[in-house]
Structure formats: structure tokens, C-alpha cells
């Protein structure tokens, strides 16, 4: 008899049916909380900012491309199939373009050198404010 089998032989007889019920209910509770707290709401609209001010608020229900002027040039925001992304930007490192498609409320793409951002919002806010 190895260590694992002897440990099981000592522990299992002491676990009663109520203990199993508690373990199962707690496990279900953890899974439900994880799904609820770590999955974002679907986004309804995109808030596009340029130079720290709201440039435009657009619904995600209509596919479109929006040109946003910034200090370095024009950034192009693409909205397609209820998702948004910064398709092109004159910033040197292209981090905001590489971020790809945003689809859940609370997601944001920032092009700091060009001072352009896209934030997706849903029926409720995930936080009070955002500054950059």
C-alpha cells in the first residue's frame, strides 16, 4: 500500500454525505461566480475619443469606418459585426492596431501618441472613469 492509497483509506471514511453535498454545492457556486464575474457584458456602442474629448458615440449595430483626426494624423476605426477595432493609426509602434477586435463592454484600445481611443460600453459601466 503506497502513501496515496493509505491517505485515501484514512480520509474517505470520515467524509459523510452532508460533506459531499457541501463540496458539490461550493464547487457549483465557484463555477457560477467565475462565469458571472469574469465574463463581460455585450457592448451596445463605441465611444470614440480624440484629444481627450468625445469625438463620436456610435452604435455597434451598423458596420462602418470612422476617421478620427489626431496630432500625428488620421486613425481609422472599423466597426463590423458588433465588434470594433482601430484598423490603422499613424503611431510608430502600432500597439492599438495590434490589439485587434474589441467586443465586450469595458474593453478599450488606446493610441496614446495620436491621442485616439475606442471604448466599448454596454448597459452598465465596469468602472467610474478612465483617464490617460
Protein backbone atom coordinates (compact mmCIF):
# COMPACT_ATOMS: atom_id res chain seq x y z
CA UNK A 1 0.00 0.00 0.00
CA UNK A 2 1.56 3.31 -1.10
CA UNK A 3 1.15 6.74 0.51
CA UNK A 4 -1.73 7.82 -1.77
CA UNK A 5 -3.82 4.72 -1.06
CA UNK A 6 -3.22 4.88 2.68
CA UNK A 7 -4.21 8.57 2.79
CA UNK A 8 -7.42 7.82 0.88
CA UNK A 9 -8.19 4.92 3.26
CA UNK A 10 -7.83 7.28 6.24
CA UNK A 11 -9.77 10.29 4.84
CA UNK A 12 -12.70 8.79 2.89
CA UNK A 13 -14.38 7.01 5.83
CA UNK A 14 -14.64 10.35 7.66
CA UNK A 15 -16.44 12.20 4.84
CA UNK A 16 -20.18 11.98 5.39
CA UNK A 17 -22.98 12.54 2.80
CA UNK A 18 -23.51 16.10 4.06
CA UNK A 19 -19.82 16.83 3.48
CA UNK A 20 -20.12 15.63 -0.12
CA UNK A 21 -23.20 17.81 -0.61
CA UNK A 22 -21.34 20.83 0.76
CA UNK A 23 -18.34 20.17 -1.52
CA UNK A 24 -20.57 19.83 -4.58
CA UNK A 25 -22.62 22.97 -3.81
CA UNK A 26 -19.46 25.01 -3.13
CA UNK A 27 -17.93 23.82 -6.40
CA UNK A 28 -21.05 24.81 -8.32
CA UNK A 29 -21.01 28.21 -6.57
CA UNK A 30 -17.38 28.83 -7.52
CA UNK A 31 -18.08 27.98 -11.18
CA UNK A 32 -21.14 30.26 -11.26
CA UNK A 33 -19.27 33.17 -9.67
CA UNK A 34 -16.37 32.73 -12.06
CA UNK A 35 -18.67 32.82 -15.09
CA UNK A 36 -20.57 35.82 -13.76
CA UNK A 37 -17.64 37.96 -12.63
CA UNK A 38 -15.12 37.25 -15.39
CA UNK A 39 -17.36 37.47 -18.42
CA UNK A 40 -18.17 40.94 -19.62
CA UNK A 41 -21.49 42.17 -20.90
CA UNK A 42 -22.00 42.51 -24.62
CA UNK A 43 -21.30 46.01 -25.85
CA UNK A 44 -24.02 48.23 -27.34
CA UNK A 45 -21.99 51.18 -28.58
CA UNK A 46 -18.47 52.52 -29.04
CA UNK A 47 -17.25 55.79 -27.58
CA UNK A 48 -14.52 57.22 -29.78
CA UNK A 49 -12.27 59.86 -28.26
CA UNK A 50 -9.78 62.16 -29.92
CA UNK A 51 -7.58 64.57 -28.00
CA UNK A 52 -9.22 63.61 -24.70
CA UNK A 53 -12.71 64.67 -25.85
CA UNK A 54 -15.54 62.51 -27.11
CA UNK A 55 -15.34 62.58 -30.90
CA UNK A 56 -18.37 60.40 -31.55
CA UNK A 57 -20.59 57.73 -29.97
CA UNK A 58 -21.67 55.10 -32.47
CA UNK A 59 -23.87 52.02 -32.21
CA UNK A 60 -22.24 48.68 -32.93
CA UNK A 61 -25.30 47.53 -34.86
CA UNK A 62 -24.18 49.28 -38.08
CA UNK A 63 -20.95 48.38 -39.91
CA UNK A 64 -18.88 51.48 -40.67
CA UNK A 65 -15.45 53.07 -40.77
CA UNK A 66 -14.74 56.32 -38.96
CA UNK A 67 -11.78 58.62 -39.49
CA UNK A 68 -10.56 60.31 -36.31
CA UNK A 69 -8.03 63.16 -36.56
CA UNK A 70 -5.15 63.25 -34.10
CA UNK A 71 -1.88 65.16 -33.70
CA UNK A 72 0.02 62.60 -35.82
CA UNK A 73 -2.65 62.12 -38.49
CA UNK A 74 -5.82 60.16 -39.14
CA UNK A 75 -6.76 57.00 -37.21
CA UNK A 76 -9.34 54.71 -38.80
CA UNK A 77 -11.84 52.96 -36.53
CA UNK A 78 -13.58 49.96 -38.05
CA UNK A 79 -16.91 48.63 -36.76
CA UNK A 80 -18.07 45.31 -38.13
CA UNK A 81 -20.42 42.57 -36.85
CA UNK A 82 -20.90 44.25 -33.43
CA UNK A 83 -17.11 44.49 -32.91
CA UNK A 84 -14.77 47.47 -33.12
CA UNK A 85 -11.06 47.95 -33.70
CA UNK A 86 -8.53 50.56 -34.65
CA UNK A 87 -7.77 49.46 -38.21
CA UNK A 88 -4.94 51.90 -38.87
CA UNK A 89 -3.08 54.58 -36.96
CA UNK A 90 -0.02 56.73 -37.67
CA UNK A 91 1.55 55.93 -34.28
CA UNK A 92 5.05 54.41 -34.52
CA UNK A 93 4.58 51.17 -32.55
CA UNK A 94 1.03 50.25 -33.65
CA UNK A 95 0.05 48.73 -30.28
CA UNK A 96 -3.56 49.84 -30.65
CA UNK A 97 -3.83 48.31 -34.13
CA UNK A 98 -2.31 45.02 -32.92
CA UNK A 99 -4.86 44.82 -30.10
CA UNK A 100 -7.42 43.61 -32.62
CA UNK A 101 -11.17 43.36 -32.33
CA UNK A 102 -12.99 44.51 -29.19
CA UNK A 103 -16.41 43.03 -28.46
CA UNK A 104 -17.22 43.09 -24.73
CA UNK A 105 -18.28 46.10 -22.71
CA UNK A 106 -15.37 47.67 -20.87
CA UNK A 107 -12.74 46.81 -23.48
CA UNK A 108 -10.68 49.70 -24.77
CA UNK A 109 -7.95 50.36 -27.33
CA UNK A 110 -5.69 53.37 -26.79
CA UNK A 111 -3.39 55.04 -29.32
CA UNK A 112 -1.56 57.31 -26.92
CA UNK A 113 0.84 59.03 -29.37
CA UNK A 114 -2.11 60.04 -31.58
CA UNK A 115 -4.46 60.63 -28.60
CA UNK A 116 -7.22 58.42 -30.01
CA UNK A 117 -9.19 55.76 -28.13
CA UNK A 118 -12.13 53.41 -28.65
CA UNK A 119 -14.11 52.22 -25.64
CA UNK A 120 -16.97 49.75 -25.80
CA UNK A 121 -19.85 50.28 -23.40
CA UNK A 122 -22.88 48.21 -22.56
CA UNK A 123 -25.90 48.64 -20.34
CA UNK A 124 -23.74 49.11 -17.23
CA UNK A 125 -20.29 50.53 -16.62
CA UNK A 126 -17.47 48.38 -15.28
CA UNK A 127 -15.79 51.42 -13.66
CA UNK A 128 -16.49 55.06 -12.86
CA UNK A 129 -13.96 56.83 -15.11
CA UNK A 130 -10.93 56.31 -17.30
CA UNK A 131 -8.05 58.74 -17.82
CA UNK A 132 -4.98 58.64 -19.97
